[in-house]
Amino acid sequence: MRRKLAPYLLVMPGGLWLAIFFVIPMIAMVSVSMETGSLETGFQQTFSVHHYLDMINTYHPQLLRSLKYGLCTTVITILLAYPMAYWIAFRGGRHKSTYLFLILLPFFVTFVIRTISWQFLLADDGIVLGHLKDWHLVSKNFHVLATPYAVIGGLVYNFLPFMVLPIYVALERIDKVLLEASADLYANKAATFRKVVLPLSLPGVFAGVILTFVPAAADYVNAQILGGSGQVMIGNVIETLYISNSQYPQASALSSILLAALLLGIFVYARVLGTRDVLDANAG
């Protein structure tokens, strides 16, 4: 009897944690989204879904912008993170821990301060652009802040470690005997990478995409600090509705729409990539 209950007892702490801090808040958020009223008159549960239609009609540009920025951030982080993780895994030697520590070192500083530091770097008269303008390498009217490039650049900087670490773990787990076998079968380095390394590292890429795309699309700090009024993301709208305007049903409905959009994107991505193939490659 104890042996049969052992797996459930081991899973129970994690299940309770998810239930208390994920499932219950999600149910509460959906419940609030269907309420009507105001802070002055009070909110009543009417199970109305008109907030969802209103939020989609009003804020669909911000939602699409957030998904686009999240997608761009994810693609750029893959292009940057994969070579870094590959080099550390196969060329890092005894200094692997040091290189990983350097990648994680910015996390010893808070998220907001890291983003504000980019504001100083990218300011029109800042350390970078100020000198470039003094040297006449760029025009005096050139600016980076309040553009999509500044927001995406900040997102890439802040979420790059979330892509590097899963890919590194997947690459580190590859048995080096497989690489030697590939060489024995007269495969060059490009073919070995394409036929052996890349397929076996897909679980890390899959995990990195989820860890990067979801927080990047829902982020509002980078858009608020590095972007202007034309770079508002859906997270900024939710913050304004909930904190500044006290429109709790509207903010909850918009949060639910964002969650559904992210889950749909992850589901489509998993279907295209093939989670069964990824898991089989990881198990092998």
C-alpha atoms as a PDB file:
ATOM      1  CA  MET A   1       0.000   0.000   0.000  1.00  0.00           C
ATOM      2  CA  ARG A   2       2.766   2.422   0.936  1.00  0.00           C
ATOM      3  CA  ARG A   3       4.612   1.575  -2.247  1.00  0.00           C
ATOM      4  CA  LYS A   4       1.535   2.459  -4.313  1.00  0.00           C
ATOM      5  CA  LEU A   5       1.026   5.734  -2.485  1.00  0.00           C
ATOM      6  CA  ALA A   6       4.696   6.753  -2.609  1.00  0.00           C
ATOM      7  CA  PRO A   7       4.587   8.395  -6.086  1.00  0.00           C
ATOM      8  CA  TYR A   8       1.497  10.414  -5.150  1.00  0.00           C
ATOM      9  CA  LEU A   9       3.029  11.523  -1.861  1.00  0.00           C
ATOM     10  CA  LEU A  10       6.169  12.668  -3.674  1.00  0.00           C
ATOM     11  CA  VAL A  11       4.146  14.658  -6.205  1.00  0.00           C
ATOM     12  CA  MET A  12       1.814  16.139  -3.603  1.00  0.00           C
ATOM     13  CA  PRO A  13       4.041  19.074  -2.452  1.00  0.00           C
ATOM     14  CA  GLY A  14       4.546  20.262  -6.016  1.00  0.00           C
ATOM     15  CA  GLY A  15       0.888  19.736  -6.821  1.00  0.00           C
ATOM     16  CA  LEU A  16      -0.211  21.744  -3.795  1.00  0.00           C
ATOM     17  CA  TRP A  17       2.208  24.513  -4.726  1.00  0.00           C
ATOM     18  CA  LEU A  18       0.779  24.706  -8.263  1.00  0.00           C
ATOM     19  CA  ALA A  19      -2.785  24.551  -6.977  1.00  0.00           C
ATOM     20  CA  ILE A  20      -2.307  27.329  -4.425  1.00  0.00           C
ATOM     21  CA  PHE A  21      -0.178  29.706  -6.463  1.00  0.00           C
ATOM     22  CA  PHE A  22      -1.317  28.954 -10.039  1.00  0.00           C
ATOM     23  CA  VAL A  23      -4.645  27.171 -10.385  1.00  0.00           C
ATOM     24  CA  ILE A  24      -6.534  29.091  -7.704  1.00  0.00           C
ATOM     25  CA  PRO A  25      -5.269  32.532  -8.885  1.00  0.00           C
ATOM     26  CA  MET A  26      -6.189  31.623 -12.475  1.00  0.00           C
ATOM     27  CA  ILE A  27      -9.714  30.665 -11.427  1.00  0.00           C
ATOM     28  CA  ALA A  28     -10.014  33.863  -9.395  1.00  0.00           C
ATOM     29  CA  MET A  29      -8.794  35.944 -12.356  1.00  0.00           C
ATOM     30  CA  VAL A  30     -11.353  34.408 -14.730  1.00  0.00           C
ATOM     31  CA  SER A  31     -14.072  34.873 -12.116  1.00  0.00           C
ATOM     32  CA  VAL A  32     -13.227  38.567 -11.652  1.00  0.00           C
ATOM     33  CA  SER A  33     -13.165  39.085 -15.434  1.00  0.00           C
ATOM     34  CA  MET A  34     -16.868  38.211 -15.588  1.00  0.00           C
ATOM     35  CA  GLU A  35     -17.922  40.703 -12.912  1.00  0.00           C
ATOM     36  CA  THR A  36     -19.555  44.061 -13.588  1.00  0.00           C
ATOM     37  CA  GLY A  37     -19.557  47.284 -11.637  1.00  0.00           C
ATOM     38  CA  SER A  38     -17.017  49.829 -10.448  1.00  0.00           C
ATOM     39  CA  LEU A  39     -14.921  50.600  -7.405  1.00  0.00           C
ATOM     40  CA  GLU A  40     -17.524  53.116  -6.204  1.00  0.00           C
ATOM     41  CA  THR A  41     -20.626  50.946  -6.643  1.00  0.00           C
ATOM     42  CA  GLY A  42     -18.949  47.608  -5.996  1.00  0.00           C
ATOM     43  CA  PHE A  43     -18.491  44.570  -8.224  1.00  0.00           C
ATOM     44  CA  GLN A  44     -21.062  41.837  -8.732  1.00  0.00           C
ATOM     45  CA  GLN A  45     -20.665  38.455 -10.394  1.00  0.00           C
ATOM     46  CA  THR A  46     -22.868  38.471 -13.501  1.00  0.00           C
ATOM     47  CA  PHE A  47     -20.925  35.942 -15.618  1.00  0.00           C
ATOM     48  CA  SER A  48     -20.777  38.502 -18.403  1.00  0.00           C
ATOM     49  CA  VAL A  49     -18.217  38.044 -21.179  1.00  0.00           C
ATOM     50  CA  HIS A  50     -18.600  41.476 -22.749  1.00  0.00           C
ATOM     51  CA  HIS A  51     -15.323  42.625 -21.152  1.00  0.00           C
ATOM     52  CA  TYR A  52     -13.461  40.157 -23.348  1.00  0.00           C
ATOM     53  CA  LEU A  53     -14.949  41.566 -26.541  1.00  0.00           C
ATOM     54  CA  ASP A  54     -14.369  45.142 -25.387  1.00  0.00           C
ATOM     55  CA  MET A  55     -10.724  44.468 -24.504  1.00  0.00           C
ATOM     56  CA  ILE A  56     -10.003  42.740 -27.820  1.00  0.00           C
ATOM     57  CA  ASN A  57     -11.589  45.544 -29.816  1.00  0.00           C
ATOM     58  CA  THR A  58      -9.842  48.272 -27.827  1.00  0.00           C
ATOM     59  CA  TYR A  59      -6.383  46.854 -27.179  1.00  0.00           C
ATOM     60  CA  HIS A  60      -5.693  44.413 -30.008  1.00  0.00           C
ATOM     61  CA  PRO A  61      -2.842  46.629 -31.362  1.00  0.00           C
ATOM     62  CA  GLN A  62      -1.017  46.401 -28.025  1.00  0.00           C
ATOM     63  CA  LEU A  63      -1.653  42.656 -27.857  1.00  0.00           C
ATOM     64  CA  LEU A  64      -0.278  42.072 -31.348  1.00  0.00           C
ATOM     65  CA  ARG A  65       2.707  44.324 -30.575  1.00  0.00           C
ATOM     66  CA  SER A  66       3.481  42.310 -27.444  1.00  0.00           C
ATOM     67  CA  LEU A  67       3.335  39.010 -29.317  1.00  0.00           C
ATOM     68  CA  LYS A  68       5.527  40.441 -32.092  1.00  0.00           C
ATOM     69  CA  TYR A  69       8.111  41.776 -29.648  1.00  0.00           C
ATOM     70  CA  GLY A  70       8.086  38.472 -27.768  1.00  0.00           C
ATOM     71  CA  LEU A  71       8.601  36.537 -31.012  1.00  0.00           C
ATOM     72  CA  CYS A  72      11.436  38.815 -32.168  1.00  0.00           C
ATOM     73  CA  THR A  73      13.076  38.550 -28.763  1.00  0.00           C
ATOM     74  CA  THR A  74      12.849  34.763 -28.836  1.00  0.00           C
ATOM     75  CA  VAL A  75      14.356  34.465 -32.322  1.00  0.00           C
ATOM     76  CA  ILE A  76      17.237  36.833 -31.501  1.00  0.00           C
ATOM     77  CA  THR A  77      17.993  35.084 -28.214  1.00  0.00           C
ATOM     78  CA  ILE A  78      18.160  31.725 -30.021  1.00  0.00           C
ATOM     79  CA  LEU A  79      20.646  33.145 -32.539  1.00  0.00           C
ATOM     80  CA  LEU A  80      22.772  34.566 -29.731  1.00  0.00           C
ATOM     81  CA  ALA A  81      22.353  31.855 -27.113  1.00  0.00           C
ATOM     82  CA  TYR A  82      22.971  28.740 -29.191  1.00  0.00           C
ATOM     83  CA  PRO A  83      26.568  29.604 -30.209  1.00  0.00           C
ATOM     84  CA  MET A  84      27.303  30.686 -26.633  1.00  0.00           C
ATOM     85  CA  ALA A  85      25.899  27.481 -25.142  1.00  0.00           C
ATOM     86  CA  TYR A  86      27.605  25.361 -27.812  1.00  0.00           C
ATOM     87  CA  TRP A  87      31.001  26.926 -27.161  1.00  0.00           C
ATOM     88  CA  ILE A  88      30.687  26.566 -23.395  1.00  0.00           C
ATOM     89  CA  ALA A  89      29.523  22.943 -23.629  1.00  0.00           C
ATOM     90  CA  PHE A  90      32.160  21.741 -26.102  1.00  0.00           C
ATOM     91  CA  ARG A  91      35.012  24.251 -25.713  1.00  0.00           C
ATOM     92  CA  GLY A  92      34.601  25.594 -22.180  1.00  0.00           C
ATOM     93  CA  GLY A  93      36.740  22.938 -20.546  1.00  0.00           C
ATOM     94  CA  ARG A  94      37.316  23.391 -16.832  1.00  0.00           C
ATOM     95  CA  HIS A  95      36.111  27.010 -17.035  1.00  0.00           C
ATOM     96  CA  LYS A  96      32.487  26.123 -17.858  1.00  0.00           C
ATOM     97  CA  SER A  97      31.252  27.138 -14.420  1.00  0.00           C
ATOM     98  CA  THR A  98      33.011  30.483 -14.730  1.00  0.00           C
ATOM     99  CA  TYR A  99      31.414  31.243 -18.092  1.00  0.00           C
ATOM    100  CA  LEU A 100      27.966  30.299 -16.796  1.00  0.00           C
ATOM    101  CA  PHE A 101      28.525  32.481 -13.740  1.00  0.00           C
ATOM    102  CA  LEU A 102      29.388  35.429 -15.991  1.00  0.00           C
ATOM    103  CA  ILE A 103      26.162  34.901 -17.941  1.00  0.00           C
ATOM    104  CA  LEU A 104      24.160  34.870 -14.706  1.00  0.00           C
ATOM    105  CA  LEU A 105      26.098  37.742 -13.120  1.00  0.00           C
ATOM    106  CA  PRO A 106      23.656  40.475 -14.271  1.00  0.00           C
ATOM    107  CA  PHE A 107      20.913  38.679 -12.325  1.00  0.00           C
ATOM    108  CA  PHE A 108      22.586  39.829  -9.118  1.00  0.00           C
ATOM    109  CA  VAL A 109      21.168  43.259 -10.034  1.00  0.00           C
ATOM    110  CA  THR A 110      17.412  43.828 -10.027  1.00  0.00           C
ATOM    111  CA  PHE A 111      15.466  43.696 -13.289  1.00  0.00           C
ATOM    112  CA  VAL A 112      14.464  47.363 -13.141  1.00  0.00           C
ATOM    113  CA  ILE A 113      17.991  48.648 -12.486  1.00  0.00           C
ATOM    114  CA  ARG A 114      19.358  46.565 -15.363  1.00  0.00           C
ATOM    115  CA  THR A 115      16.771  48.100 -17.676  1.00  0.00           C
ATOM    116  CA  ILE A 116      17.430  51.635 -16.419  1.00  0.00           C
ATOM    117  CA  SER A 117      21.136  51.134 -17.133  1.00  0.00           C
ATOM    118  CA  TRP A 118      20.211  50.526 -20.766  1.00  0.00           C
ATOM    119  CA  GLN A 119      18.284  53.787 -20.700  1.00  0.00           C
ATOM    120  CA  PHE A 120      21.493  55.600 -19.756  1.00  0.00           C
ATOM    121  CA  LEU A 121      23.478  53.757 -22.420  1.00  0.00           C
ATOM    122  CA  LEU A 122      20.962  54.416 -25.204  1.00  0.00           C
ATOM    123  CA  ALA A 123      20.115  58.028 -24.274  1.00  0.00           C
ATOM    124  CA  ASP A 124      20.583  60.595 -27.043  1.00  0.00           C
ATOM    125  CA  ASP A 125      23.451  62.206 -25.119  1.00  0.00           C
ATOM    126  CA  GLY A 126      24.470  59.055 -23.280  1.00  0.00           C
ATOM    127  CA  ILE A 127      27.753  57.212 -23.136  1.00  0.00           C
ATOM    128  CA  VAL A 128      27.319  55.510 -26.516  1.00  0.00           C
ATOM    129  CA  LEU A 129      25.320  57.833 -28.755  1.00  0.00           C
ATOM    130  CA  GLY A 130      26.826  60.967 -27.204  1.00  0.00           C
ATOM    131  CA  HIS A 131      30.335  60.004 -28.272  1.00  0.00           C
ATOM    132  CA  LEU A 132      29.195  58.737 -31.669  1.00  0.00           C
ATOM    133  CA  LYS A 133      27.516  62.084 -32.325  1.00  0.00           C
ATOM    134  CA  ASP A 134      30.582  63.997 -31.156  1.00  0.00           C
ATOM    135  CA  TRP A 135      32.696  61.967 -33.558  1.00  0.00           C
ATOM    136  CA  HIS A 136      30.133  62.639 -36.340  1.00  0.00           C
ATOM    137  CA  LEU A 137      29.581  58.926 -36.898  1.00  0.00           C
ATOM    138  CA  VAL A 138      25.814  59.350 -36.554  1.00  0.00           C
ATOM    139  CA  SER A 139      23.591  62.338 -37.117  1.00  0.00           C
ATOM    140  CA  LYS A 140      22.537  64.629 -34.292  1.00  0.00           C
ATOM    141  CA  ASN A 141      18.897  63.582 -34.784  1.00  0.00           C
ATOM    142  CA  PHE A 142      19.648  59.870 -34.461  1.00  0.00           C
ATOM    143  CA  HIS A 143      18.020  58.214 -31.452  1.00  0.00           C
ATOM    144  CA  VAL A 144      17.323  54.705 -30.227  1.00  0.00           C
ATOM    145  CA  LEU A 145      15.105  55.213 -27.191  1.00  0.00           C
ATOM    146  CA  ALA A 146      11.342  55.185 -27.754  1.00  0.00           C
ATOM    147  CA  THR A 147      11.749  52.809 -30.703  1.00  0.00           C
ATOM    148  CA  PRO A 148      10.975  49.106 -31.107  1.00  0.00           C
ATOM    149  CA  TYR A 149      14.717  48.421 -31.320  1.00  0.00           C
ATOM    150  CA  ALA A 150      15.285  49.743 -27.801  1.00  0.00           C
ATOM    151  CA  VAL A 151      12.448  47.668 -26.330  1.00  0.00           C
ATOM    152  CA  ILE A 152      13.468  44.460 -28.122  1.00  0.00           C
ATOM    153  CA  GLY A 153      17.116  45.083 -27.241  1.00  0.00           C
ATOM    154  CA  GLY A 154      16.229  45.413 -23.571  1.00  0.00           C
ATOM    155  CA  LEU A 155      14.122  42.257 -23.698  1.00  0.00           C
ATOM    156  CA  VAL A 156      16.920  40.302 -25.369  1.00  0.00           C
ATOM    157  CA  TYR A 157      19.435  41.474 -22.785  1.00  0.00           C
ATOM    158  CA  ASN A 158      17.211  40.618 -19.832  1.00  0.00           C
ATOM    159  CA  PHE A 159      16.014  37.228 -21.045  1.00  0.00           C
ATOM    160  CA  LEU A 160      19.126  35.895 -22.818  1.00  0.00           C
ATOM    161  CA  PRO A 161      20.178  33.674 -19.865  1.00  0.00           C
ATOM    162  CA  PHE A 162      16.770  31.978 -19.962  1.00  0.00           C
ATOM    163  CA  MET A 163      17.703  30.715 -23.423  1.00  0.00           C
ATOM    164  CA  VAL A 164      21.382  29.970 -22.824  1.00  0.00           C
ATOM    165  CA  LEU A 165      20.982  27.716 -19.790  1.00  0.00           C
ATOM    166  CA  PRO A 166      18.425  25.187 -21.172  1.00  0.00           C
ATOM    167  CA  ILE A 167      20.349  24.859 -24.433  1.00  0.00           C
ATOM    168  CA  TYR A 168      23.611  24.401 -22.525  1.00  0.00           C
ATOM    169  CA  VAL A 169      22.075  21.656 -20.376  1.00  0.00           C
ATOM    170  CA  ALA A 170      20.803  19.836 -23.478  1.00  0.00           C
ATOM    171  CA  LEU A 171      24.181  20.113 -25.208  1.00  0.00           C
ATOM    172  CA  GLU A 172      26.048  19.036 -22.100  1.00  0.00           C
ATOM    173  CA  ARG A 173      23.980  15.841 -21.907  1.00  0.00           C
ATOM    174  CA  ILE A 174      24.951  14.728 -25.424  1.00  0.00           C
ATOM    175  CA  ASP A 175      27.156  11.653 -25.241  1.00  0.00           C
ATOM    176  CA  LYS A 176      30.499  12.480 -26.862  1.00  0.00           C
ATOM    177  CA  VAL A 177      30.647   8.901 -28.149  1.00  0.00           C
ATOM    178  CA  LEU A 178      27.921   9.848 -30.640  1.00  0.00           C
ATOM    179  CA  LEU A 179      30.135  12.590 -32.045  1.00  0.00           C
ATOM    180  CA  GLU A 180      33.037  10.155 -32.374  1.00  0.00           C
ATOM    181  CA  ALA A 181      30.766   7.637 -34.087  1.00  0.00           C
ATOM    182  CA  SER A 182      29.633  10.300 -36.520  1.00  0.00           C
ATOM    183  CA  ALA A 183      33.257  11.096 -37.370  1.00  0.00           C
ATOM    184  CA  ASP A 184      34.000   7.382 -37.814  1.00  0.00           C
ATOM    185  CA  LEU A 185      31.180   7.278 -40.356  1.00  0.00           C
ATOM    186  CA  TYR A 186      33.007  10.005 -42.362  1.00  0.00           C
ATOM    187  CA  ALA A 187      30.595  12.798 -41.455  1.00  0.00           C
ATOM    188  CA  ASN A 188      32.127  16.268 -41.440  1.00  0.00           C
ATOM    189  CA  LYS A 189      31.504  18.751 -38.612  1.00  0.00           C
ATOM    190  CA  ALA A 190      28.590  20.400 -40.411  1.00  0.00           C
ATOM    191  CA  ALA A 191      26.849  17.074 -40.994  1.00  0.00           C
ATOM    192  CA  THR A 192      27.507  15.996 -37.404  1.00  0.00           C
ATOM    193  CA  PHE A 193      25.947  19.179 -36.123  1.00  0.00           C
ATOM    194  CA  ARG A 194      22.945  18.894 -38.439  1.00  0.00           C
ATOM    195  CA  LYS A 195      22.291  15.175 -37.906  1.00  0.00           C
ATOM    196  CA  VAL A 196      23.401  14.633 -34.297  1.00  0.00           C
ATOM    197  CA  VAL A 197      23.930  17.767 -32.205  1.00  0.00           C
ATOM    198  CA  LEU A 198      20.975  19.861 -33.345  1.00  0.00           C
ATOM    199  CA  PRO A 199      18.286  17.152 -32.990  1.00  0.00           C
ATOM    200  CA  LEU A 200      19.561  16.162 -29.545  1.00  0.00           C
ATOM    201  CA  SER A 201      19.617  19.793 -28.406  1.00  0.00           C
ATOM    202  CA  LEU A 202      16.002  20.488 -29.419  1.00  0.00           C
ATOM    203  CA  PRO A 203      14.664  19.820 -25.898  1.00  0.00           C
ATOM    204  CA  GLY A 204      16.823  22.700 -24.650  1.00  0.00           C
ATOM    205  CA  VAL A 205      15.661  24.963 -27.461  1.00  0.00           C
ATOM    206  CA  PHE A 206      12.036  24.039 -26.721  1.00  0.00           C
ATOM    207  CA  ALA A 207      12.427  24.850 -23.027  1.00  0.00           C
ATOM    208  CA  GLY A 208      14.323  28.063 -23.806  1.00  0.00           C
ATOM    209  CA  VAL A 209      11.600  29.290 -26.153  1.00  0.00           C
ATOM    210  CA  ILE A 210       8.931  28.811 -23.502  1.00  0.00           C
ATOM    211  CA  LEU A 211      11.039  30.442 -20.778  1.00  0.00           C
ATOM    212  CA  THR A 212      11.797  33.412 -23.040  1.00  0.00           C
ATOM    213  CA  PHE A 213       8.670  34.014 -25.114  1.00  0.00           C
ATOM    214  CA  VAL A 214       6.143  33.967 -22.263  1.00  0.00           C
ATOM    215  CA  PRO A 215       7.790  36.565 -19.960  1.00  0.00           C
ATOM    216  CA  ALA A 216       9.008  38.689 -22.890  1.00  0.00           C
ATOM    217  CA  ALA A 217       5.522  39.009 -24.400  1.00  0.00           C
ATOM    218  CA  ALA A 218       4.001  39.801 -21.004  1.00  0.00           C
ATOM    219  CA  ASP A 219       6.741  42.226 -19.927  1.00  0.00           C
ATOM    220  CA  TYR A 220       5.951  45.879 -19.304  1.00  0.00           C
ATOM    221  CA  VAL A 221       9.126  47.232 -17.654  1.00  0.00           C
ATOM    222  CA  ASN A 222      11.199  47.463 -20.840  1.00  0.00           C
ATOM    223  CA  ALA A 223       8.391  49.125 -22.781  1.00  0.00           C
ATOM    224  CA  GLN A 224       7.824  51.617 -19.976  1.00  0.00           C
ATOM    225  CA  ILE A 225      11.493  52.545 -19.504  1.00  0.00           C
ATOM    226  CA  LEU A 226      12.977  52.121 -22.991  1.00  0.00           C
ATOM    227  CA  GLY A 227       9.910  52.688 -25.149  1.00  0.00           C
ATOM    228  CA  GLY A 228       7.743  55.715 -25.702  1.00  0.00           C
ATOM    229  CA  SER A 229       4.025  56.209 -25.974  1.00  0.00           C
ATOM    230  CA  GLY A 230       4.035  54.357 -29.281  1.00  0.00           C
ATOM    231  CA  GLN A 231       5.670  51.224 -27.832  1.00  0.00           C
ATOM    232  CA  VAL A 232       3.047  50.355 -25.208  1.00  0.00           C
ATOM    233  CA  MET A 233       2.759  46.610 -24.631  1.00  0.00           C
ATOM    234  CA  ILE A 234      -0.176  44.704 -23.244  1.00  0.00           C
ATOM    235  CA  GLY A 235       1.502  44.464 -19.835  1.00  0.00           C
ATOM    236  CA  ASN A 236       1.506  48.261 -19.577  1.00  0.00           C
ATOM    237  CA  VAL A 237      -2.213  48.350 -20.365  1.00  0.00           C
ATOM    238  CA  ILE A 238      -2.988  45.708 -17.726  1.00  0.00           C
ATOM    239  CA  GLU A 239      -0.941  47.593 -15.144  1.00  0.00           C
ATOM    240  CA  THR A 240      -2.776  50.837 -15.908  1.00  0.00           C
ATOM    241  CA  LEU A 241      -6.219  49.234 -15.821  1.00  0.00           C
ATOM    242  CA  TYR A 242      -5.597  47.386 -12.567  1.00  0.00           C
ATOM    243  CA  ILE A 243      -3.423  49.752 -10.510  1.00  0.00           C
ATOM    244  CA  SER A 244      -4.212  53.223 -11.819  1.00  0.00           C
ATOM    245  CA  ASN A 245      -7.842  52.901 -12.971  1.00  0.00           C
ATOM    246  CA  SER A 246      -9.017  50.150 -10.576  1.00  0.00           C
ATOM    247  CA  GLN A 247     -10.824  48.464 -13.463  1.00  0.00           C
ATOM    248  CA  TYR A 248     -10.366  44.973 -12.097  1.00  0.00           C
ATOM    249  CA  PRO A 249     -12.756  43.054 -14.406  1.00  0.00           C
ATOM    250  CA  GLN A 250     -11.272  44.681 -17.508  1.00  0.00           C
ATOM    251  CA  ALA A 251      -7.698  44.020 -16.360  1.00  0.00           C
ATOM    252  CA  SER A 252      -8.569  40.409 -15.509  1.00  0.00           C
ATOM    253  CA  ALA A 253     -10.221  39.885 -18.879  1.00  0.00           C
ATOM    254  CA  LEU A 254      -7.198  41.296 -20.691  1.00  0.00           C
ATOM    255  CA  SER A 255      -4.873  39.107 -18.612  1.00  0.00           C
ATOM    256  CA  SER A 256      -6.966  36.061 -19.496  1.00  0.00           C
ATOM    257  CA  ILE A 257      -6.805  36.968 -23.188  1.00  0.00           C
ATOM    258  CA  LEU A 258      -3.018  37.321 -22.982  1.00  0.00           C
ATOM    259  CA  LEU A 259      -2.733  33.973 -21.187  1.00  0.00           C
ATOM    260  CA  ALA A 260      -4.897  32.275 -23.809  1.00  0.00           C
ATOM    261  CA  ALA A 261      -2.853  33.803 -26.640  1.00  0.00           C
ATOM    262  CA  LEU A 262       0.412  32.636 -25.078  1.00  0.00           C
ATOM    263  CA  LEU A 263      -0.912  29.127 -24.472  1.00  0.00           C
ATOM    264  CA  LEU A 264      -2.178  28.950 -28.054  1.00  0.00           C
ATOM    265  CA  GLY A 265       1.203  30.073 -29.371  1.00  0.00           C
ATOM    266  CA  ILE A 266       3.035  27.495 -27.257  1.00  0.00           C
ATOM    267  CA  PHE A 267       0.619  24.762 -28.379  1.00  0.00           C
ATOM    268  CA  VAL A 268       1.136  25.601 -32.061  1.00  0.00           C
ATOM    269  CA  TYR A 269       4.900  25.754 -31.547  1.00  0.00           C
ATOM    270  CA  ALA A 270       4.878  22.374 -29.806  1.00  0.00           C
ATOM    271  CA  ARG A 271       2.817  20.827 -32.601  1.00  0.00           C
ATOM    272  CA  VAL A 272       5.110  22.213 -35.294  1.00  0.00           C
ATOM    273  CA  LEU A 273       8.281  21.153 -33.481  1.00  0.00           C
ATOM    274  CA  GLY A 274       6.829  17.820 -32.409  1.00  0.00           C
ATOM    275  CA  THR A 275       7.034  17.319 -28.671  1.00  0.00           C
ATOM    276  CA  ARG A 276       7.019  13.523 -29.052  1.00  0.00           C
ATOM    277  CA  ASP A 277      10.116  13.723 -31.241  1.00  0.00           C
ATOM    278  CA  VAL A 278      11.739  16.119 -28.789  1.00  0.00           C
ATOM    279  CA  LEU A 279      11.061  13.830 -25.833  1.00  0.00           C
ATOM    280  CA  ASP A 280      12.240  10.773 -27.751  1.00  0.00           C
ATOM    281  CA  ALA A 281      15.459  12.571 -28.683  1.00  0.00           C
ATOM    282  CA  ASN A 282      15.953  13.631 -25.087  1.00  0.00           C
ATOM    283  CA  ALA A 283      15.335  10.121 -23.784  1.00  0.00           C
ATOM    284  CA  GLY A 284      17.722   8.658 -26.301  1.00  0.00           C
END
